[in-house]
Amino acid sequence: MQRFIVGLVKRAGRELMRHYCKDYSLIRLRGRSKEITTKYDKMIDEMLISALSKRFPDHNILTEESGFIDRGSEFTWVVDSLDGSSNYAIGNPFFSISVALLHLDDPVFGAAYAPFLRELFLAEEGGGCTVNGRTAEVTDISKLKDCYLVACEGGERRASRVSSINAALLLRARDVRKLGSGSLECAWVACGRAEAYVTEQIDPWDVAAGVLFVKEAGGMATDFKGREWVPRRSDMVFSNGKIHDQILRLVSKL
């Protein structure tokens, strides 16, 4: 299964790179991150659904572009064909293809491939997390004032709420940054490039693989109330675990 998924996301990545920074119609696209869908989102979505359906004909599939394909299975593939569409459209290299397998509501396998960066993140339940074959581990920094965070608004449309959360984080952390690709922001936490990722009303396809990345790298992934992730739109904190409660105290009432 892992070999099949790795081959699939890399094939999708090659197809995206064939058009990256070459389709000048994309550069005119403007909007918030969740408002942009390119023709390449849809093209890769169709490719992934076709391949997964042939290999796992009994499994459900949930994708950003096509919704839920219900086949009555306990297993569901959760797919984001182009995580970071607006980045891709303007030539920003932070975009990825993300695929996760859920058993009921629990992620048991996750993969994300960033084709421009040539980085492949993999995680399997109980098997750890890797980046390009190297073990990924969260940092052990325990003071929020020393931490780099990543944050995005997810699906939240209330700018006042997003601003309040970002301000609360920025006032207490070393810095707060935004990559524009939820699966990569989770992966950054998993491999120690940031201590936490905070996002509001994020969709399941954006972070299904990332939940497993962070947990298998030794971190934590919960909603703003400290509850386990479930595959629906929700506020989420992904962290190294050491600063998790500190962040929850800041955002739980916002």
Protein backbone atom coordinates (compact mmCIF):
# COMPACT_ATOMS: atom_id res chain seq x y z
CA MET A 1 0.00 0.00 0.00
CA GLN A 2 2.75 2.44 0.92
CA ARG A 3 4.61 1.84 -2.33
CA PHE A 4 1.39 2.34 -4.29
CA ILE A 5 0.52 5.62 -2.55
CA VAL A 6 4.06 6.96 -2.81
CA GLY A 7 4.06 6.23 -6.52
CA LEU A 8 0.65 7.84 -6.88
CA VAL A 9 1.44 11.12 -5.11
CA LYS A 10 4.75 11.42 -6.94
CA ARG A 11 2.98 10.90 -10.26
CA ALA A 12 0.51 13.61 -9.27
CA GLY A 13 3.42 15.84 -8.31
CA ARG A 14 5.11 15.38 -11.68
CA GLU A 15 1.89 16.35 -13.42
CA LEU A 16 1.55 19.50 -11.33
CA MET A 17 5.16 20.46 -12.00
CA ARG A 18 4.59 20.13 -15.76
CA HIS A 19 2.29 23.17 -15.54
CA TYR A 20 3.82 25.04 -12.59
CA CYS A 21 4.68 28.64 -13.48
CA LYS A 22 3.83 27.91 -17.13
CA ASP A 23 0.08 28.58 -17.16
CA TYR A 24 -0.05 32.36 -17.00
CA SER A 25 -3.85 32.39 -16.74
CA LEU A 26 -3.41 31.31 -13.10
CA ILE A 27 -1.45 34.37 -12.03
CA ARG A 28 -4.58 36.52 -12.35
CA LEU A 29 -6.42 34.44 -9.75
CA ARG A 30 -6.90 36.36 -6.55
CA GLY A 31 -8.83 35.48 -3.43
CA ARG A 32 -8.49 34.00 0.00
CA SER A 33 -6.89 30.59 0.07
CA LYS A 34 -10.16 28.67 0.33
CA GLU A 35 -11.73 30.63 -2.53
CA ILE A 36 -9.35 29.48 -5.28
CA THR A 37 -9.69 26.26 -7.22
CA THR A 38 -7.64 25.73 -10.36
CA LYS A 39 -8.27 23.33 -13.22
CA TYR A 40 -5.30 21.36 -11.91
CA ASP A 41 -7.04 20.70 -8.57
CA LYS A 42 -9.79 18.98 -10.54
CA MET A 43 -7.47 17.18 -12.94
CA ILE A 44 -5.38 15.65 -10.14
CA ASP A 45 -8.51 14.89 -8.10
CA GLU A 46 -9.90 12.79 -10.96
CA MET A 47 -6.58 11.01 -11.37
CA LEU A 48 -6.34 10.13 -7.67
CA ILE A 49 -9.96 8.96 -7.40
CA SER A 50 -9.56 6.74 -10.45
CA ALA A 51 -6.35 5.15 -9.15
CA LEU A 52 -7.65 4.62 -5.61
CA SER A 53 -10.94 3.18 -6.86
CA LYS A 54 -9.13 0.64 -9.02
CA ARG A 55 -6.77 -0.44 -6.25
CA PHE A 56 -9.25 -0.26 -3.34
CA PRO A 57 -12.70 -0.65 -4.94
CA ASP A 58 -14.52 -1.18 -1.63
CA HIS A 59 -13.09 1.85 0.20
CA ASN A 60 -14.87 5.16 0.63
CA ILE A 61 -13.22 8.29 -0.74
CA LEU A 62 -13.53 11.87 0.52
CA THR A 63 -11.97 14.66 -1.53
CA GLU A 64 -12.12 18.43 -1.55
CA GLU A 65 -13.24 18.54 -5.17
CA SER A 66 -15.63 15.60 -5.37
CA GLY A 67 -17.07 15.24 -1.87
CA PHE A 68 -17.83 11.88 -0.24
CA ILE A 69 -17.98 8.67 -2.26
CA ASP A 70 -19.75 6.30 0.12
CA ARG A 71 -19.14 2.59 -0.47
CA GLY A 72 -20.19 1.47 3.01
CA SER A 73 -16.65 0.70 4.17
CA GLU A 74 -14.92 1.20 7.51
CA PHE A 75 -12.01 2.60 5.50
CA THR A 76 -11.99 6.04 3.87
CA TRP A 77 -9.31 7.71 1.76
CA VAL A 78 -9.18 11.45 2.43
CA VAL A 79 -7.57 13.37 -0.42
CA ASP A 80 -6.48 16.92 -1.16
CA SER A 81 -5.31 16.92 -4.77
CA LEU A 82 -3.64 20.34 -4.51
CA ASP A 83 -3.21 21.61 -0.96
CA GLY A 84 -2.13 25.19 -1.49
CA SER A 85 -4.01 26.07 -4.67
CA SER A 86 -3.48 29.81 -4.32
CA ASN A 87 0.25 29.25 -3.75
CA TYR A 88 0.42 27.09 -6.87
CA ALA A 89 -1.45 29.70 -8.88
CA ILE A 90 0.98 32.52 -8.08
CA GLY A 91 4.20 30.50 -8.23
CA ASN A 92 4.71 30.00 -4.49
CA PRO A 93 6.41 26.59 -3.98
CA PHE A 94 4.53 25.64 -0.79
CA PHE A 95 1.91 23.26 -2.20
CA SER A 96 1.42 19.53 -1.87
CA ILE A 97 -0.66 16.46 -2.62
CA SER A 98 -2.10 14.93 0.55
CA VAL A 99 -3.60 11.45 0.98
CA ALA A 100 -4.70 9.78 4.22
CA LEU A 101 -6.41 6.51 5.08
CA LEU A 102 -8.90 6.50 7.93
CA HIS A 103 -10.20 3.46 9.74
CA LEU A 104 -13.55 4.73 10.98
CA ASP A 105 -12.47 8.22 12.18
CA ASP A 106 -8.84 7.41 12.98
CA PRO A 107 -5.97 8.13 10.56
CA VAL A 108 -3.86 5.00 10.10
CA PHE A 109 -1.72 6.08 7.14
CA GLY A 110 -0.78 9.46 5.72
CA ALA A 111 1.32 10.81 2.87
CA ALA A 112 2.03 14.31 1.61
CA TYR A 113 4.31 15.16 -1.26
CA ALA A 114 5.62 18.66 -1.98
CA PRO A 115 6.85 18.30 -5.59
CA PHE A 116 8.74 21.58 -5.92
CA LEU A 117 10.55 20.96 -2.62
CA ARG A 118 10.93 17.25 -3.43
CA GLU A 119 9.89 16.32 0.09
CA LEU A 120 7.82 13.27 0.91
CA PHE A 121 6.23 12.97 4.35
CA LEU A 122 4.91 9.56 5.44
CA ALA A 123 3.34 8.26 8.64
CA GLU A 124 1.78 4.97 9.66
CA GLU A 125 -0.07 4.32 12.89
CA GLY A 126 2.48 2.97 15.35
CA GLY A 127 5.26 3.23 12.77
CA GLY A 128 6.49 6.78 13.20
CA CYS A 129 6.79 9.64 10.74
CA THR A 130 9.48 10.23 8.12
CA VAL A 131 10.55 12.96 5.71
CA ASN A 132 12.37 11.59 2.67
CA GLY A 133 13.06 8.43 4.65
CA ARG A 134 14.53 10.19 7.70
CA THR A 135 12.82 9.97 11.07
CA ALA A 136 10.80 13.08 11.89
CA GLU A 137 10.52 14.25 15.50
CA VAL A 138 8.92 17.26 17.13
CA THR A 139 11.09 19.68 19.11
CA ASP A 140 11.35 19.65 22.90
CA ILE A 141 11.03 23.44 23.37
CA SER A 142 8.71 24.05 26.29
CA LYS A 143 8.45 27.84 26.55
CA LEU A 144 6.05 29.55 24.16
CA LYS A 145 8.22 32.67 24.04
CA ASP A 146 10.96 30.63 22.37
CA CYS A 147 8.69 29.04 19.75
CA TYR A 148 8.11 29.45 16.04
CA LEU A 149 4.46 28.90 15.17
CA VAL A 150 2.61 28.55 11.89
CA ALA A 151 -1.00 29.63 11.58
CA CYS A 152 -3.74 30.05 9.01
CA GLU A 153 -7.42 30.97 8.97
CA GLY A 154 -8.55 27.62 7.52
CA GLY A 155 -12.21 28.01 6.64
CA GLU A 156 -12.88 30.78 9.16
CA ARG A 157 -14.44 33.82 7.47
CA ARG A 158 -14.58 36.13 10.48
CA ALA A 159 -11.49 38.28 10.07
CA SER A 160 -11.94 39.65 13.58
CA ARG A 161 -11.64 36.16 15.09
CA VAL A 162 -8.60 35.26 12.98
CA SER A 163 -6.95 38.53 13.95
CA SER A 164 -7.64 37.96 17.66
CA ILE A 165 -6.14 34.47 17.59
CA ASN A 166 -3.09 35.53 15.59
CA ALA A 167 -2.51 38.51 17.85
CA ALA A 168 -2.71 36.35 20.97
CA LEU A 169 -0.11 33.99 19.51
CA LEU A 170 2.20 36.66 18.15
CA LEU A 171 2.33 38.51 21.45
CA ARG A 172 3.63 35.41 23.23
CA ALA A 173 5.65 33.44 20.67
CA ARG A 174 8.97 34.14 18.99
CA ASP A 175 7.22 34.42 15.60
CA VAL A 176 4.08 33.35 13.71
CA ARG A 177 4.23 32.42 10.03
CA LYS A 178 1.89 31.10 7.31
CA LEU A 179 2.77 28.57 4.61
CA GLY A 180 -0.63 28.28 2.93
CA SER A 181 -0.75 24.45 2.84
CA GLY A 182 -2.27 22.70 5.84
CA SER A 183 -0.58 19.35 5.25
CA LEU A 184 2.81 21.04 5.05
CA GLU A 185 2.14 23.16 8.12
CA CYS A 186 1.42 19.96 10.06
CA ALA A 187 4.53 18.38 8.56
CA TRP A 188 6.63 21.38 9.66
CA VAL A 189 5.58 20.69 13.25
CA ALA A 190 6.30 16.97 12.86
CA CYS A 191 9.85 17.53 11.65
CA GLY A 192 10.70 20.34 14.08
CA ARG A 193 10.57 23.36 11.78
CA ALA A 194 7.85 24.86 13.97
CA GLU A 195 6.60 24.10 17.46
CA ALA A 196 2.90 24.42 16.64
CA TYR A 197 0.33 24.97 13.90
CA VAL A 198 -2.91 26.75 14.81
CA THR A 199 -5.83 26.89 12.41
CA GLU A 200 -9.53 27.67 12.51
CA GLN A 201 -12.37 25.76 10.86
CA ILE A 202 -9.99 23.61 8.85
CA ASP A 203 -11.45 20.96 6.55
CA PRO A 204 -10.58 17.28 7.06
CA TRP A 205 -8.76 16.84 3.73
CA ASP A 206 -6.32 19.61 4.69
CA VAL A 207 -5.08 17.88 7.85
CA ALA A 208 -6.09 14.19 7.86
CA ALA A 209 -2.56 13.11 6.99
CA GLY A 210 -1.08 15.87 9.15
CA VAL A 211 -2.83 14.64 12.28
CA LEU A 212 -0.92 11.38 11.94
CA PHE A 213 2.37 13.12 11.03
CA VAL A 214 2.32 15.12 14.26
CA LYS A 215 1.19 12.29 16.53
CA GLU A 216 3.68 9.79 15.13
CA ALA A 217 6.47 12.37 15.48
CA GLY A 218 5.71 12.66 19.21
CA GLY A 219 3.37 15.65 19.19
CA MET A 220 -0.29 16.36 19.89
CA ALA A 221 -3.28 17.24 17.69
CA THR A 222 -6.54 18.42 19.27
CA ASP A 223 -9.30 20.94 18.76
CA PHE A 224 -9.33 24.17 20.78
CA LYS A 225 -11.09 22.32 23.65
CA GLY A 226 -8.43 19.62 23.82
CA ARG A 227 -10.57 16.97 22.11
CA GLU A 228 -9.28 14.43 19.60
CA TRP A 229 -9.54 15.27 15.89
CA VAL A 230 -12.55 13.96 13.99
CA PRO A 231 -13.01 14.26 10.21
CA ARG A 232 -15.10 17.39 10.05
CA ARG A 233 -14.41 21.12 9.85
CA SER A 234 -12.93 22.24 13.18
CA ASP A 235 -10.53 24.55 15.00
CA MET A 236 -7.24 22.71 15.55
CA VAL A 237 -3.91 22.94 17.37
CA PHE A 238 -0.99 20.74 16.31
CA SER A 239 2.04 21.03 18.57
CA ASN A 240 5.16 19.40 19.95
CA GLY A 241 3.09 18.58 23.05
CA LYS A 242 5.26 20.66 25.38
CA ILE A 243 3.44 23.92 24.61
CA HIS A 244 0.03 22.47 23.80
CA ASP A 245 -1.75 23.51 26.99
CA GLN A 246 -0.22 27.00 26.79
CA ILE A 247 -1.74 27.49 23.34
CA LEU A 248 -5.09 26.01 24.33
CA ARG A 249 -5.34 28.51 27.18
CA LEU A 250 -4.87 31.34 24.66
CA VAL A 251 -7.29 30.18 21.98
CA SER A 252 -10.02 28.19 23.75
CA LYS A 253 -12.14 31.28 24.45
CA LEU A 254 -11.53 33.04 21.11
